[in-house]
């Protein structure tokens, strides 16, 4: 079966509740005919506003992070049951900014991914290499290490419920973009790693995330192992994001 394209807008620390509502109201008419899965990842404060406006549409809502525990003395954190209560369907885990700025480790992600699955949330697990690792030809070693560590407590069959986002760190917020060949090569390698773990690799959707824009979306999304995009800057503008959704078919 063909994999349904998956296009996600990661807003990072942008948009007030009012701005989020305005975005969704502008976006929905532009993507009404899409057959793709469209996901919006707002900051925590705007989750409810986006959830309410997307009811009855094809849009899903994802949080940008969560703790692995259901509750506890973890000031500033949010749990999976709290997200489920808001009718959030997915959660971004291990984004490079979480890893780099906030010390998120593979050990923490090994707890978060199964916790998300157990709660019925779709994990969007981010993996990717730094510029130094790419220059040292360590891309595949980094990707394999992250995938094996982060999915260590997820059995093979359950991996089918995880979305993987390949985000080359050197192409995030820099204006640089991996060539379609580079992106395809990395995503194909990710699928091979999953296959080696006896996961249903042909069912897993693998996204590319790294300066995706309307101008390059079609070429990236046309590659056989790239099933969608995790969009940053262009995901803040409803017109630009809609163009990327349309490029997915």
Protein backbone atom coordinates (compact mmCIF):
# COMPACT_ATOMS: atom_id res chain seq x y z
CA UNK A 1 0.00 0.00 0.00
CA UNK A 2 1.32 3.49 -0.81
CA UNK A 3 2.23 5.62 2.18
CA UNK A 4 0.00 8.66 2.74
CA UNK A 5 2.07 11.87 2.57
CA UNK A 6 2.57 13.55 5.94
CA UNK A 7 3.18 17.30 6.05
CA UNK A 8 3.80 18.89 9.46
CA UNK A 9 4.31 22.56 10.39
CA UNK A 10 6.53 22.97 13.44
CA UNK A 11 5.84 26.46 14.76
CA UNK A 12 8.53 26.25 17.45
CA UNK A 13 8.17 29.25 19.83
CA UNK A 14 5.95 31.30 17.53
CA UNK A 15 2.32 32.45 17.47
CA UNK A 16 0.00 33.62 20.21
CA UNK A 17 -3.43 32.04 20.59
CA UNK A 18 -4.95 34.74 18.38
CA UNK A 19 -2.26 34.30 15.72
CA UNK A 20 -2.71 30.54 15.77
CA UNK A 21 -6.45 30.86 15.25
CA UNK A 22 -5.91 33.27 12.37
CA UNK A 23 -3.45 30.86 10.73
CA UNK A 24 -5.81 27.87 10.89
CA UNK A 25 -8.75 29.88 9.56
CA UNK A 26 -6.61 31.00 6.61
CA UNK A 27 -5.12 27.56 5.95
CA UNK A 28 -8.17 25.32 5.96
CA UNK A 29 -9.81 26.59 2.76
CA UNK A 30 -6.49 26.30 0.93
CA UNK A 31 -6.03 22.59 1.73
CA UNK A 32 -9.64 21.40 1.69
CA UNK A 33 -8.98 18.98 -1.18
CA UNK A 34 -5.78 17.43 0.16
CA UNK A 35 -5.44 13.68 0.55
CA UNK A 36 -2.33 14.07 2.70
CA UNK A 37 -2.08 14.02 6.48
CA UNK A 38 -1.58 17.64 7.53
CA UNK A 39 -0.21 18.26 11.03
CA UNK A 40 0.22 21.51 12.94
CA UNK A 41 2.64 21.62 15.87
CA UNK A 42 1.84 24.76 17.91
CA UNK A 43 3.38 25.85 21.20
CA UNK A 44 1.59 24.45 24.24
CA UNK A 45 -0.40 27.64 24.84
CA UNK A 46 -2.03 27.44 21.40
CA UNK A 47 -2.84 23.72 21.31
CA UNK A 48 -6.47 24.09 22.35
CA UNK A 49 -7.14 26.90 19.89
CA UNK A 50 -5.81 24.84 16.98
CA UNK A 51 -7.58 21.68 18.11
CA UNK A 52 -10.93 23.48 18.26
CA UNK A 53 -10.59 24.97 14.80
CA UNK A 54 -9.48 21.80 13.06
CA UNK A 55 -12.47 19.66 14.14
CA UNK A 56 -14.16 18.18 11.09
CA UNK A 57 -11.07 18.63 8.90
CA UNK A 58 -8.09 16.50 7.88
CA UNK A 59 -5.73 18.47 10.11
CA UNK A 60 -4.05 16.77 13.06
CA UNK A 61 -2.43 18.55 15.99
CA UNK A 62 0.93 17.64 17.53
CA UNK A 63 2.67 18.95 20.62
CA UNK A 64 6.35 19.87 20.37
CA UNK A 65 7.52 17.84 23.37
CA UNK A 66 6.31 15.78 26.35
CA UNK A 67 7.67 14.11 29.47
CA UNK A 68 7.75 10.33 29.68
CA UNK A 69 5.99 10.22 33.07
CA UNK A 70 2.21 10.56 33.39
CA UNK A 71 2.60 12.94 36.33
CA UNK A 72 5.13 13.98 38.94
CA UNK A 73 7.38 16.70 40.31
CA UNK A 74 8.62 17.91 36.93
CA UNK A 75 8.13 21.66 36.90
CA UNK A 76 7.53 23.07 33.44
CA UNK A 77 6.80 19.69 31.81
CA UNK A 78 3.67 18.31 30.14
CA UNK A 79 2.60 14.66 30.11
CA UNK A 80 1.01 12.44 27.48
CA UNK A 81 -2.33 12.20 29.34
CA UNK A 82 -2.49 16.01 29.44
CA UNK A 83 -2.05 16.11 25.66
CA UNK A 84 -4.59 13.37 25.06
CA UNK A 85 -7.13 15.28 27.17
CA UNK A 86 -6.78 18.18 24.72
CA UNK A 87 -7.45 15.86 21.73
CA UNK A 88 -3.88 16.21 20.53
CA UNK A 89 -2.98 13.26 18.28
CA UNK A 90 0.81 13.40 17.93
CA UNK A 91 3.99 14.72 19.52
CA UNK A 92 7.37 15.79 18.17
CA UNK A 93 10.19 14.07 20.06
CA UNK A 94 13.93 14.63 19.85
CA UNK A 95 13.95 17.70 17.65
CA UNK A 96 17.52 18.88 17.13
CA UNK A 97 16.77 22.09 19.03
CA UNK A 98 15.59 20.07 22.01
CA UNK A 99 18.74 17.97 21.82
CA UNK A 100 21.09 20.93 21.36
CA UNK A 101 19.58 23.64 23.57
CA UNK A 102 17.92 21.58 26.29
CA UNK A 103 20.13 18.52 26.58
CA UNK A 104 17.60 15.96 25.39
CA UNK A 105 19.33 12.60 25.32
CA UNK A 106 18.74 9.34 23.51
CA UNK A 107 18.14 7.77 26.92
CA UNK A 108 15.28 10.18 27.56
CA UNK A 109 13.84 9.54 24.11
CA UNK A 110 13.99 5.80 24.70
CA UNK A 111 11.45 6.44 27.47
CA UNK A 112 9.39 9.07 25.68
CA UNK A 113 8.69 7.16 22.46
CA UNK A 114 7.05 4.12 24.10
CA UNK A 115 5.22 6.42 26.54
CA UNK A 116 3.71 8.32 23.62
CA UNK A 117 2.69 5.11 21.86
CA UNK A 118 1.14 3.72 25.04
CA UNK A 119 -0.96 6.88 25.37
CA UNK A 120 -2.19 6.65 21.78
CA UNK A 121 -0.07 9.55 20.55
CA UNK A 122 1.80 9.32 17.26
CA UNK A 123 5.49 10.06 17.90
CA UNK A 124 7.30 12.17 15.30
CA UNK A 125 10.83 11.11 16.15
CA UNK A 126 13.54 13.43 14.86
CA UNK A 127 17.01 12.21 13.97
CA UNK A 128 19.85 13.89 12.11
CA UNK A 129 23.52 14.67 11.93
CA UNK A 130 25.54 17.81 12.57
CA UNK A 131 27.67 19.55 9.96
CA UNK A 132 30.77 18.12 11.63
CA UNK A 133 29.40 14.58 11.42
CA UNK A 134 28.47 14.97 7.74
CA UNK A 135 31.89 16.40 6.89
CA UNK A 136 33.46 13.44 8.68
CA UNK A 137 31.26 11.04 6.68
CA UNK A 138 29.55 9.92 9.90
CA UNK A 139 25.96 10.56 8.77
CA UNK A 140 24.95 6.90 8.67
CA UNK A 141 26.67 6.10 11.96
CA UNK A 142 24.84 8.96 13.71
CA UNK A 143 21.46 8.04 12.26
CA UNK A 144 21.81 4.37 13.15
CA UNK A 145 22.95 5.19 16.69
CA UNK A 146 20.02 7.53 17.28
CA UNK A 147 17.42 5.17 15.79
CA UNK A 148 18.62 2.11 17.68
CA UNK A 149 18.88 4.00 20.98
CA UNK A 150 15.61 5.93 20.70
CA UNK A 151 13.57 2.87 19.64
CA UNK A 152 15.28 0.38 21.92
CA UNK A 153 12.12 -0.31 23.97
CA UNK A 154 9.70 -0.27 21.02
CA UNK A 155 9.10 -3.71 19.54
CA UNK A 156 9.39 -4.17 15.81
CA UNK A 157 5.69 -4.15 14.98
CA UNK A 158 5.02 -1.03 17.06
CA UNK A 159 7.62 0.93 15.08
CA UNK A 160 4.98 1.10 12.35
CA UNK A 161 3.18 3.66 14.50
CA UNK A 162 6.19 6.00 14.63
CA UNK A 163 6.84 8.77 12.10
CA UNK A 164 10.55 9.44 11.57
CA UNK A 165 11.75 12.92 10.64
CA UNK A 166 15.23 13.21 9.15
CA UNK A 167 16.50 16.69 9.91
CA UNK A 168 20.11 17.40 8.95
CA UNK A 169 21.10 19.88 11.64
CA UNK A 170 23.27 21.79 9.19
CA UNK A 171 20.18 22.58 7.10
CA UNK A 172 17.87 23.90 9.84
CA UNK A 173 17.41 27.64 10.00
CA UNK A 174 20.52 28.14 7.87
CA UNK A 175 18.93 28.50 4.47
CA UNK A 176 20.96 25.47 3.34
CA UNK A 177 19.05 22.44 2.14
CA UNK A 178 20.21 18.91 1.55
CA UNK A 179 19.98 18.10 -2.14
CA UNK A 180 17.13 15.76 -3.06
CA UNK A 181 19.72 13.03 -3.60
CA UNK A 182 21.24 13.59 -0.14
CA UNK A 183 17.83 13.62 1.50
CA UNK A 184 16.71 10.49 -0.35
CA UNK A 185 19.92 8.66 0.53
CA UNK A 186 19.50 9.42 4.24
CA UNK A 187 15.81 8.51 4.31
CA UNK A 188 16.48 5.25 2.46
CA UNK A 189 19.20 4.42 4.98
CA UNK A 190 16.77 5.08 7.85
CA UNK A 191 14.31 2.66 6.27
CA UNK A 192 17.07 0.04 5.95
CA UNK A 193 17.93 0.42 9.65
CA UNK A 194 14.28 -0.09 10.57
CA UNK A 195 14.09 -3.13 8.32
CA UNK A 196 17.12 -4.65 10.03
CA UNK A 197 15.23 -4.32 13.34
CA UNK A 198 12.37 -6.39 11.89
CA UNK A 199 10.15 -3.33 11.82
CA UNK A 200 7.49 -2.88 9.12
CA UNK A 201 9.80 -0.42 7.39
CA UNK A 202 7.69 -0.07 4.26
CA UNK A 203 4.82 1.24 6.39
CA UNK A 204 6.84 3.85 8.29
CA UNK A 205 6.55 7.38 7.01
CA UNK A 206 9.89 9.16 6.85
CA UNK A 207 9.89 12.95 6.59
CA UNK A 208 12.55 15.38 5.49
CA UNK A 209 12.99 18.47 7.64
CA UNK A 210 15.52 21.08 6.67
CA UNK A 211 14.56 24.41 5.06
CA UNK A 212 11.65 22.94 3.10
CA UNK A 213 9.97 25.63 0.99
CA UNK A 214 7.40 25.74 -1.82
CA UNK A 215 10.26 26.08 -4.32
CA UNK A 216 11.94 22.79 -3.37
CA UNK A 217 9.06 20.77 -1.90
CA UNK A 218 7.95 18.96 -5.05
CA UNK A 219 11.42 17.72 -5.91
CA UNK A 220 12.09 16.54 -2.35
CA UNK A 221 8.69 14.90 -1.93
CA UNK A 222 8.98 13.16 -5.27
CA UNK A 223 11.75 10.89 -4.00
CA UNK A 224 10.67 7.31 -3.20
CA UNK A 225 11.69 7.22 0.47
CA UNK A 226 10.63 10.77 1.40
CA UNK A 227 7.03 10.55 2.57
CA UNK A 228 6.54 14.10 3.76
CA UNK A 229 8.11 17.10 5.41
CA UNK A 230 8.64 18.63 8.82
CA UNK A 231 8.41 22.30 7.90
CA UNK A 232 9.87 25.14 9.97
CA UNK A 233 9.88 28.72 8.69
CA UNK A 234 7.55 28.13 5.75
CA UNK A 235 5.09 26.48 8.15
CA UNK A 236 4.43 29.85 9.80
CA UNK A 237 2.76 31.27 6.70
CA UNK A 238 -0.56 29.67 5.67
CA UNK A 239 -0.08 30.37 1.97
CA UNK A 240 3.45 28.95 1.86
CA UNK A 241 2.51 25.92 3.95
CA UNK A 242 -0.50 25.25 1.73
CA UNK A 243 1.78 25.20 -1.31
CA UNK A 244 3.95 22.57 0.34
CA UNK A 245 0.85 20.51 1.16
CA UNK A 246 -0.22 20.74 -2.49
CA UNK A 247 3.23 19.62 -3.62
CA UNK A 248 2.70 16.38 -1.70
CA UNK A 249 -0.24 15.54 -3.95
